[in-house]
Amino acid sequence: MAETVQPDRDRDRDRRDRERQRKMLLAKQRQQKMVLAAGCIQAWWRGLLVRRTLLVAALRAWMIQCWWRTVLQRKRQQRRLKLLRLYVVQEQAAVKVQSWVRMCRCRQCYCQICDTVCVFQPHKDTPPFQSSDFLQVQYGVPPKQPEFHIEIVSV
């Protein structure tokens, strides 16, 4: 009987060893699954951090670009206003020169008419001219007042 007890013990020991190995294998597989899951979670977290960092960098770059566009827009606006002021000054100067030239021409015409009238003013005892056409044809003095054409340029 001692012989029959020995193989039962060996079988029980073998069965326990197999059971222990199976549990260890299951524990090892669970450990590998947990390591894989932890690796996936860590990869997801690192990707999230990288994406967040890239988003912050992109937002900062966008803010700098907006600021630079604003600076350029202000510079363009200031340049445009400067050119506009220069244009207005030039136009006003041109209008003043034009008005001065017109005034000089009118004054010259007026003085010429006054001189002509003074020269051709008949004495009291001389007979008057037959018509006013005589003055126009011979001396080119218009009987009417000179015409003025004034152009007003608004800026």
N, C-alpha and C. Protein backbone atom coordinates (compact mmCIF):
# COMPACT_ATOMS: atom_id res chain seq x y z
N MET A 1 0.81 -1.16 0.00
CA MET A 1 0.00 0.00 0.00
C MET A 1 0.87 1.24 0.00
N ALA A 2 1.98 1.07 0.54
CA ALA A 2 2.92 2.18 0.55
C ALA A 2 3.28 2.54 -0.86
N GLU A 3 3.26 1.58 -1.71
CA GLU A 3 3.57 1.85 -3.10
C GLU A 3 2.46 2.60 -3.77
N THR A 4 1.23 2.40 -3.44
CA THR A 4 0.12 3.09 -4.06
C THR A 4 0.01 4.52 -3.54
N VAL A 5 0.47 4.75 -2.35
CA VAL A 5 0.40 6.09 -1.78
C VAL A 5 1.44 6.98 -2.46
N GLN A 6 2.56 6.41 -2.77
CA GLN A 6 3.62 7.17 -3.41
C GLN A 6 3.18 7.73 -4.77
N PRO A 7 2.60 6.94 -5.63
CA PRO A 7 2.19 7.50 -6.93
C PRO A 7 1.08 8.53 -6.76
N ASP A 8 0.21 8.37 -5.77
CA ASP A 8 -0.85 9.38 -5.57
C ASP A 8 -0.22 10.70 -5.14
N ARG A 9 0.79 10.57 -4.31
CA ARG A 9 1.46 11.79 -3.90
C ARG A 9 2.16 12.45 -5.08
N ASP A 10 2.79 11.64 -5.87
CA ASP A 10 3.48 12.18 -7.04
C ASP A 10 2.48 12.84 -7.99
N ARG A 11 1.34 12.18 -8.15
CA ARG A 11 0.31 12.77 -9.02
C ARG A 11 -0.19 14.08 -8.45
N ASP A 12 -0.44 14.11 -7.15
CA ASP A 12 -0.92 15.34 -6.52
C ASP A 12 0.13 16.46 -6.64
N ARG A 13 1.37 16.07 -6.45
CA ARG A 13 2.45 17.05 -6.56
C ARG A 13 2.54 17.55 -8.01
N ASP A 14 2.47 16.64 -8.95
CA ASP A 14 2.50 17.04 -10.36
C ASP A 14 1.32 17.95 -10.69
N ARG A 15 0.15 17.53 -10.21
CA ARG A 15 -1.03 18.35 -10.46
C ARG A 15 -0.87 19.74 -9.83
N ARG A 16 -0.36 19.83 -8.63
CA ARG A 16 -0.14 21.11 -7.98
C ARG A 16 0.91 21.93 -8.73
N ASP A 17 1.96 21.22 -9.18
CA ASP A 17 3.00 21.93 -9.95
C ASP A 17 2.42 22.49 -11.25
N ARG A 18 1.62 21.66 -11.93
CA ARG A 18 0.99 22.13 -13.17
C ARG A 18 0.02 23.28 -12.90
N GLU A 19 -0.72 23.14 -11.81
CA GLU A 19 -1.66 24.22 -11.45
C GLU A 19 -0.89 25.51 -11.13
N ARG A 20 0.22 25.36 -10.39
CA ARG A 20 1.05 26.51 -10.05
C ARG A 20 1.64 27.13 -11.32
N GLN A 21 2.12 26.30 -12.24
CA GLN A 21 2.68 26.80 -13.50
C GLN A 21 1.62 27.52 -14.33
N ARG A 22 0.41 26.88 -14.35
CA ARG A 22 -0.69 27.52 -15.09
C ARG A 22 -1.04 28.87 -14.49
N LYS A 23 -1.11 28.98 -13.18
CA LYS A 23 -1.41 30.25 -12.52
C LYS A 23 -0.30 31.26 -12.78
N MET A 24 0.95 30.78 -12.76
CA MET A 24 2.07 31.69 -13.03
C MET A 24 2.01 32.18 -14.48
N LEU A 25 1.65 31.27 -15.36
CA LEU A 25 1.54 31.65 -16.77
C LEU A 25 0.42 32.66 -16.95
N LEU A 26 -0.70 32.41 -16.30
CA LEU A 26 -1.82 33.37 -16.37
C LEU A 26 -1.42 34.72 -15.76
N ALA A 27 -0.72 34.69 -14.65
CA ALA A 27 -0.27 35.92 -14.00
C ALA A 27 0.71 36.66 -14.92
N LYS A 28 1.60 35.88 -15.55
CA LYS A 28 2.56 36.49 -16.47
C LYS A 28 1.84 37.10 -17.67
N GLN A 29 0.84 36.42 -18.20
CA GLN A 29 0.07 36.96 -19.33
C GLN A 29 -0.68 38.23 -18.91
N ARG A 30 -1.30 38.19 -17.71
CA ARG A 30 -1.97 39.40 -17.21
C ARG A 30 -0.99 40.55 -17.06
N GLN A 31 0.21 40.22 -16.54
CA GLN A 31 1.24 41.25 -16.38
C GLN A 31 1.63 41.83 -17.75
N GLN A 32 1.79 40.99 -18.76
CA GLN A 32 2.14 41.47 -20.11
C GLN A 32 1.02 42.33 -20.69
N LYS A 33 -0.23 41.92 -20.47
CA LYS A 33 -1.36 42.73 -20.94
C LYS A 33 -1.38 44.08 -20.25
N MET A 34 -1.11 44.09 -18.95
CA MET A 34 -1.10 45.35 -18.21
C MET A 34 0.05 46.24 -18.69
N VAL A 35 1.21 45.63 -18.98
CA VAL A 35 2.34 46.40 -19.47
C VAL A 35 1.99 46.99 -20.84
N LEU A 36 1.37 46.20 -21.71
CA LEU A 36 0.95 46.70 -23.03
C LEU A 36 -0.08 47.83 -22.88
N ALA A 37 -1.04 47.63 -21.98
CA ALA A 37 -2.05 48.66 -21.76
C ALA A 37 -1.41 49.93 -21.20
N ALA A 38 -0.48 49.78 -20.28
CA ALA A 38 0.23 50.95 -19.72
C ALA A 38 1.02 51.65 -20.82
N GLY A 39 1.66 50.88 -21.70
CA GLY A 39 2.40 51.46 -22.82
C GLY A 39 1.47 52.25 -23.75
N CYS A 40 0.30 51.69 -24.01
CA CYS A 40 -0.69 52.41 -24.85
C CYS A 40 -1.13 53.70 -24.19
N ILE A 41 -1.40 53.63 -22.90
CA ILE A 41 -1.83 54.83 -22.17
C ILE A 41 -0.71 55.87 -22.15
N GLN A 42 0.51 55.43 -21.91
CA GLN A 42 1.64 56.37 -21.91
C GLN A 42 1.83 57.00 -23.29
N ALA A 43 1.70 56.20 -24.34
CA ALA A 43 1.84 56.73 -25.71
C ALA A 43 0.75 57.76 -25.98
N TRP A 44 -0.49 57.43 -25.56
CA TRP A 44 -1.59 58.39 -25.75
C TRP A 44 -1.30 59.69 -24.99
N TRP A 45 -0.83 59.57 -23.74
CA TRP A 45 -0.55 60.75 -22.92
C TRP A 45 0.58 61.58 -23.52
N ARG A 46 1.66 60.93 -23.99
CA ARG A 46 2.75 61.67 -24.61
C ARG A 46 2.27 62.35 -25.90
N GLY A 47 1.46 61.68 -26.68
CA GLY A 47 0.89 62.30 -27.90
C GLY A 47 0.03 63.50 -27.55
N LEU A 48 -0.76 63.36 -26.48
CA LEU A 48 -1.60 64.48 -26.03
C LEU A 48 -0.74 65.67 -25.63
N LEU A 49 0.34 65.40 -24.89
CA LEU A 49 1.24 66.48 -24.47
C LEU A 49 1.90 67.15 -25.68
N VAL A 50 2.33 66.33 -26.64
CA VAL A 50 2.96 66.89 -27.85
C VAL A 50 1.95 67.73 -28.63
N ARG A 51 0.74 67.20 -28.80
CA ARG A 51 -0.28 67.96 -29.53
C ARG A 51 -0.62 69.27 -28.81
N ARG A 52 -0.71 69.22 -27.49
CA ARG A 52 -0.99 70.42 -26.71
C ARG A 52 0.14 71.44 -26.86
N THR A 53 1.39 70.96 -26.81
CA THR A 53 2.55 71.84 -26.98
C THR A 53 2.54 72.47 -28.38
N LEU A 54 2.25 71.64 -29.39
CA LEU A 54 2.18 72.17 -30.76
C LEU A 54 1.05 73.18 -30.92
N LEU A 55 -0.06 72.91 -30.26
CA LEU A 55 -1.18 73.85 -30.33
C LEU A 55 -0.82 75.19 -29.69
N VAL A 56 -0.16 75.13 -28.54
CA VAL A 56 0.27 76.37 -27.87
C VAL A 56 1.26 77.12 -28.75
N ALA A 57 2.21 76.40 -29.35
CA ALA A 57 3.19 77.04 -30.22
C ALA A 57 2.50 77.66 -31.44
N ALA A 58 1.53 76.94 -32.01
CA ALA A 58 0.80 77.46 -33.18
C ALA A 58 0.00 78.71 -32.79
N LEU A 59 -0.63 78.70 -31.62
CA LEU A 59 -1.38 79.87 -31.18
C LEU A 59 -0.46 81.06 -30.96
N ARG A 60 0.70 80.82 -30.38
CA ARG A 60 1.65 81.91 -30.17
C ARG A 60 2.15 82.46 -31.50
N ALA A 61 2.44 81.57 -32.45
CA ALA A 61 2.87 82.02 -33.77
C ALA A 61 1.76 82.82 -34.44
N TRP A 62 0.52 82.37 -34.29
CA TRP A 62 -0.61 83.10 -34.87
C TRP A 62 -0.74 84.49 -34.24
N MET A 63 -0.54 84.58 -32.93
CA MET A 63 -0.62 85.88 -32.25
C MET A 63 0.48 86.81 -32.76
N ILE A 64 1.68 86.29 -32.94
CA ILE A 64 2.79 87.11 -33.46
C ILE A 64 2.48 87.56 -34.88
N GLN A 65 1.94 86.66 -35.69
CA GLN A 65 1.57 87.04 -37.06
C GLN A 65 0.51 88.12 -37.08
N CYS A 66 -0.49 88.01 -36.21
CA CYS A 66 -1.54 89.05 -36.13
C CYS A 66 -0.93 90.38 -35.72
N TRP A 67 -0.05 90.35 -34.73
CA TRP A 67 0.61 91.59 -34.30
C TRP A 67 1.42 92.20 -35.43
N TRP A 68 2.16 91.37 -36.16
CA TRP A 68 2.99 91.88 -37.26
C TRP A 68 2.12 92.46 -38.37
N ARG A 69 1.02 91.79 -38.69
CA ARG A 69 0.10 92.33 -39.71
C ARG A 69 -0.44 93.69 -39.27
N THR A 70 -0.75 93.82 -37.98
CA THR A 70 -1.24 95.10 -37.46
C THR A 70 -0.17 96.18 -37.59
N VAL A 71 1.07 95.83 -37.27
CA VAL A 71 2.17 96.80 -37.41
C VAL A 71 2.31 97.23 -38.87
N LEU A 72 2.29 96.27 -39.78
CA LEU A 72 2.41 96.60 -41.21
C LEU A 72 1.23 97.45 -41.68
N GLN A 73 0.04 97.14 -41.21
CA GLN A 73 -1.15 97.91 -41.59
C GLN A 73 -1.02 99.36 -41.10
N ARG A 74 -0.53 99.53 -39.86
CA ARG A 74 -0.33 100.89 -39.34
C ARG A 74 0.69 101.65 -40.16
N LYS A 75 1.78 100.97 -40.52
CA LYS A 75 2.81 101.63 -41.34
C LYS A 75 2.25 102.03 -42.70
N ARG A 76 1.47 101.12 -43.31
CA ARG A 76 0.86 101.45 -44.61
C ARG A 76 -0.10 102.63 -44.47
N GLN A 77 -0.88 102.64 -43.40
CA GLN A 77 -1.84 103.73 -43.17
C GLN A 77 -1.11 105.05 -42.97
N GLN A 78 -0.03 105.04 -42.18
CA GLN A 78 0.74 106.26 -41.96
C GLN A 78 1.37 106.76 -43.26
N ARG A 79 1.88 105.84 -44.05
CA ARG A 79 2.48 106.22 -45.34
C ARG A 79 1.42 106.81 -46.26
N ARG A 80 0.25 106.17 -46.29
CA ARG A 80 -0.84 106.67 -47.13
C ARG A 80 -1.26 108.08 -46.71
N LEU A 81 -1.40 108.30 -45.39
CA LEU A 81 -1.78 109.62 -44.90
C LEU A 81 -0.71 110.67 -45.22
N LYS A 82 0.57 110.26 -45.10
CA LYS A 82 1.66 111.18 -45.42
C LYS A 82 1.60 111.57 -46.90
N LEU A 83 1.39 110.59 -47.77
CA LEU A 83 1.29 110.89 -49.21
C LEU A 83 0.07 111.75 -49.51
N LEU A 84 -1.03 111.49 -48.79
CA LEU A 84 -2.23 112.28 -49.00
C LEU A 84 -2.01 113.73 -48.57
N ARG A 85 -1.34 113.93 -47.44
CA ARG A 85 -1.03 115.30 -47.00
C ARG A 85 -0.13 116.00 -48.01
N LEU A 86 0.85 115.29 -48.52
CA LEU A 86 1.75 115.86 -49.52
C LEU A 86 0.97 116.24 -50.78
N TYR A 87 0.04 115.38 -51.18
CA TYR A 87 -0.78 115.66 -52.36
C TYR A 87 -1.63 116.91 -52.13
N VAL A 88 -2.22 117.02 -50.94
CA VAL A 88 -3.06 118.18 -50.63
C VAL A 88 -2.23 119.46 -50.66
N VAL A 89 -1.03 119.41 -50.08
CA VAL A 89 -0.17 120.59 -50.08
C VAL A 89 0.19 120.98 -51.51
N GLN A 90 0.52 120.00 -52.34
CA GLN A 90 0.87 120.28 -53.73
C GLN A 90 -0.32 120.86 -54.49
N GLU A 91 -1.50 120.30 -54.24
CA GLU A 91 -2.69 120.82 -54.92
C GLU A 91 -2.99 122.25 -54.48
N GLN A 92 -2.87 122.51 -53.19
CA GLN A 92 -3.12 123.87 -52.71
C GLN A 92 -2.10 124.84 -53.30
N ALA A 93 -0.85 124.42 -53.41
CA ALA A 93 0.18 125.27 -54.00
C ALA A 93 -0.14 125.53 -55.47
N ALA A 94 -0.59 124.50 -56.18
CA ALA A 94 -0.93 124.67 -57.59
C ALA A 94 -2.11 125.63 -57.75
N VAL A 95 -3.10 125.53 -56.87
CA VAL A 95 -4.26 126.43 -56.94
C VAL A 95 -3.81 127.87 -56.66
N LYS A 96 -2.92 128.05 -55.69
CA LYS A 96 -2.43 129.41 -55.40
C LYS A 96 -1.66 129.99 -56.59
N VAL A 97 -0.82 129.16 -57.20
CA VAL A 97 -0.06 129.64 -58.36
C VAL A 97 -1.01 129.99 -59.50
N GLN A 98 -2.01 129.14 -59.72
CA GLN A 98 -2.98 129.41 -60.79
C GLN A 98 -3.73 130.71 -60.51
N SER A 99 -4.16 130.90 -59.28
CA SER A 99 -4.91 132.12 -58.97
C SER A 99 -4.00 133.35 -59.09
N TRP A 100 -2.75 133.22 -58.71
CA TRP A 100 -1.81 134.34 -58.85
C TRP A 100 -1.58 134.68 -60.32
N VAL A 101 -1.42 133.66 -61.16
CA VAL A 101 -1.23 133.90 -62.60
C VAL A 101 -2.47 134.55 -63.18
N ARG A 102 -3.65 134.05 -62.82
CA ARG A 102 -4.89 134.67 -63.32
C ARG A 102 -4.99 136.13 -62.87
N MET A 103 -4.67 136.38 -61.61
CA MET A 103 -4.73 137.74 -61.09
C MET A 103 -3.76 138.65 -61.87
N CYS A 104 -2.55 138.15 -62.11
CA CYS A 104 -1.57 138.96 -62.85
C CYS A 104 -2.06 139.25 -64.26
N ARG A 105 -2.66 138.24 -64.91
CA ARG A 105 -3.16 138.45 -66.27
C ARG A 105 -4.32 139.45 -66.27
N CYS A 106 -5.20 139.32 -65.27
CA CYS A 106 -6.32 140.26 -65.18
C CYS A 106 -5.81 141.68 -64.91
N ARG A 107 -4.85 141.79 -64.00
CA ARG A 107 -4.30 143.09 -63.69
C ARG A 107 -3.61 143.69 -64.93
N GLN A 108 -2.90 142.82 -65.66
CA GLN A 108 -2.22 143.29 -66.87
C GLN A 108 -3.25 143.77 -67.89
N CYS A 109 -4.31 143.02 -68.08
CA CYS A 109 -5.38 143.41 -69.02
C CYS A 109 -6.04 144.71 -68.56
N TYR A 110 -6.30 144.80 -67.25
CA TYR A 110 -6.93 146.00 -66.71
C TYR A 110 -6.02 147.22 -66.92
N CYS A 111 -4.74 147.05 -66.62
CA CYS A 111 -3.81 148.16 -66.80
C CYS A 111 -3.72 148.56 -68.27
N GLN A 112 -3.74 147.55 -69.15
CA GLN A 112 -3.69 147.85 -70.59
C GLN A 112 -4.93 148.63 -71.01
N ILE A 113 -6.10 148.24 -70.48
CA ILE A 113 -7.34 148.94 -70.82
C ILE A 113 -7.29 150.36 -70.26
N CYS A 114 -6.82 150.51 -69.04
CA CYS A 114 -6.73 151.85 -68.44
C CYS A 114 -5.77 152.73 -69.25
N ASP A 115 -4.62 152.16 -69.64
CA ASP A 115 -3.67 152.93 -70.44
C ASP A 115 -4.27 153.31 -71.79
N THR A 116 -5.00 152.39 -72.40
CA THR A 116 -5.61 152.66 -73.70
C THR A 116 -6.66 153.74 -73.56
N VAL A 117 -7.46 153.66 -72.54
CA VAL A 117 -8.51 154.66 -72.34
C VAL A 117 -7.87 156.02 -72.07
N CYS A 118 -6.81 156.04 -71.28
CA CYS A 118 -6.15 157.31 -71.00
C CYS A 118 -5.53 157.91 -72.26
N VAL A 119 -4.97 157.05 -73.10
CA VAL A 119 -4.33 157.55 -74.32
C VAL A 119 -5.37 158.06 -75.30
N PHE A 120 -6.43 157.31 -75.45
CA PHE A 120 -7.43 157.65 -76.47
C PHE A 120 -8.60 158.45 -75.92
N GLN A 121 -8.50 158.97 -74.77
CA GLN A 121 -9.59 159.76 -74.22
C GLN A 121 -9.63 161.08 -74.99
N PRO A 122 -10.75 161.31 -75.62
CA PRO A 122 -10.82 162.54 -76.43
C PRO A 122 -10.90 163.78 -75.56
N HIS A 123 -10.35 164.82 -76.09
CA HIS A 123 -10.47 166.10 -75.39
C HIS A 123 -11.89 166.59 -75.49
N LYS A 124 -12.23 167.55 -74.71
CA LYS A 124 -13.61 168.03 -74.69
C LYS A 124 -13.99 168.70 -76.00
N ASP A 125 -13.10 169.30 -76.67
CA ASP A 125 -13.45 170.03 -77.88
C ASP A 125 -13.30 169.20 -79.15
N THR A 126 -12.84 167.90 -79.07
CA THR A 126 -12.74 167.06 -80.26
C THR A 126 -14.03 166.30 -80.46
N PRO A 127 -14.40 166.03 -81.72
CA PRO A 127 -15.64 165.28 -81.96
C PRO A 127 -15.48 163.81 -81.54
N PRO A 128 -16.53 163.21 -81.06
CA PRO A 128 -16.44 161.80 -80.63
C PRO A 128 -16.33 160.88 -81.84
N PHE A 129 -15.86 159.65 -81.58
CA PHE A 129 -15.77 158.65 -82.65
C PHE A 129 -17.16 158.29 -83.12
N GLN A 130 -17.24 157.86 -84.39
CA GLN A 130 -18.55 157.54 -84.97
C GLN A 130 -19.15 156.28 -84.30
N SER A 131 -18.31 155.29 -84.04
CA SER A 131 -18.82 154.07 -83.38
C SER A 131 -17.73 153.47 -82.49
N SER A 132 -18.15 152.60 -81.66
CA SER A 132 -17.17 151.96 -80.77
C SER A 132 -16.43 150.85 -81.51
N ASP A 133 -16.89 150.42 -82.70
CA ASP A 133 -16.20 149.39 -83.48
C ASP A 133 -14.83 149.87 -83.93
N PHE A 134 -14.66 151.21 -84.06
CA PHE A 134 -13.40 151.76 -84.49
C PHE A 134 -12.29 151.35 -83.53
N LEU A 135 -12.57 151.41 -82.22
CA LEU A 135 -11.57 151.04 -81.24
C LEU A 135 -11.27 149.55 -81.29
N GLN A 136 -12.29 148.75 -81.51
CA GLN A 136 -12.09 147.31 -81.53
C GLN A 136 -11.25 146.89 -82.72
N VAL A 137 -11.53 147.43 -83.88
CA VAL A 137 -10.83 146.99 -85.07
C VAL A 137 -9.42 147.52 -85.09
N GLN A 138 -9.27 148.79 -84.80
CA GLN A 138 -7.97 149.40 -84.95
C GLN A 138 -7.02 149.07 -83.81
N TYR A 139 -7.50 149.11 -82.58
CA TYR A 139 -6.60 148.95 -81.45
C TYR A 139 -6.82 147.65 -80.66
N GLY A 140 -7.83 146.90 -81.00
CA GLY A 140 -8.10 145.64 -80.33
C GLY A 140 -8.52 145.79 -78.89
N VAL A 141 -9.17 146.87 -78.52
CA VAL A 141 -9.63 147.07 -77.15
C VAL A 141 -11.10 146.70 -77.09
N PRO A 142 -11.47 145.74 -76.33
CA PRO A 142 -12.88 145.35 -76.27
C PRO A 142 -13.69 146.40 -75.53
N PRO A 143 -14.91 146.69 -76.01
CA PRO A 143 -15.74 147.67 -75.32
C PRO A 143 -16.31 147.13 -74.02
N LYS A 144 -16.41 145.83 -73.88
CA LYS A 144 -16.95 145.22 -72.66
C LYS A 144 -15.82 144.96 -71.67
N GLN A 145 -16.22 144.55 -70.49
CA GLN A 145 -15.22 144.19 -69.49
C GLN A 145 -14.63 142.82 -69.82
N PRO A 146 -13.42 142.55 -69.40
CA PRO A 146 -12.82 141.24 -69.71
C PRO A 146 -13.56 140.12 -68.98
N GLU A 147 -13.57 138.96 -69.62
CA GLU A 147 -14.24 137.79 -69.03
C GLU A 147 -13.24 137.03 -68.17
N PHE A 148 -13.73 136.54 -67.06
CA PHE A 148 -12.89 135.76 -66.16
C PHE A 148 -13.41 134.33 -66.10
N HIS A 149 -12.52 133.40 -66.27
CA HIS A 149 -12.86 131.98 -66.13
C HIS A 149 -12.06 131.45 -64.95
N ILE A 150 -12.76 131.20 -63.86
CA ILE A 150 -12.10 130.76 -62.64
C ILE A 150 -12.50 129.30 -62.40
N GLU A 151 -11.48 128.47 -62.22
CA GLU A 151 -11.71 127.07 -61.95
C GLU A 151 -11.32 126.82 -60.49
N ILE A 152 -12.27 126.32 -59.72
CA ILE A 152 -12.03 126.07 -58.32
C ILE A 152 -11.81 124.57 -58.15
N VAL A 153 -10.66 124.21 -57.67
CA VAL A 153 -10.33 122.82 -57.45
C VAL A 153 -10.48 122.53 -55.97
N SER A 154 -11.35 121.61 -55.66
CA SER A 154 -11.52 121.25 -54.25
C SER A 154 -10.69 119.99 -53.96
N VAL A 155 -10.12 119.96 -52.79
CA VAL A 155 -9.27 118.84 -52.45
C VAL A 155 -10.02 117.91 -51.55
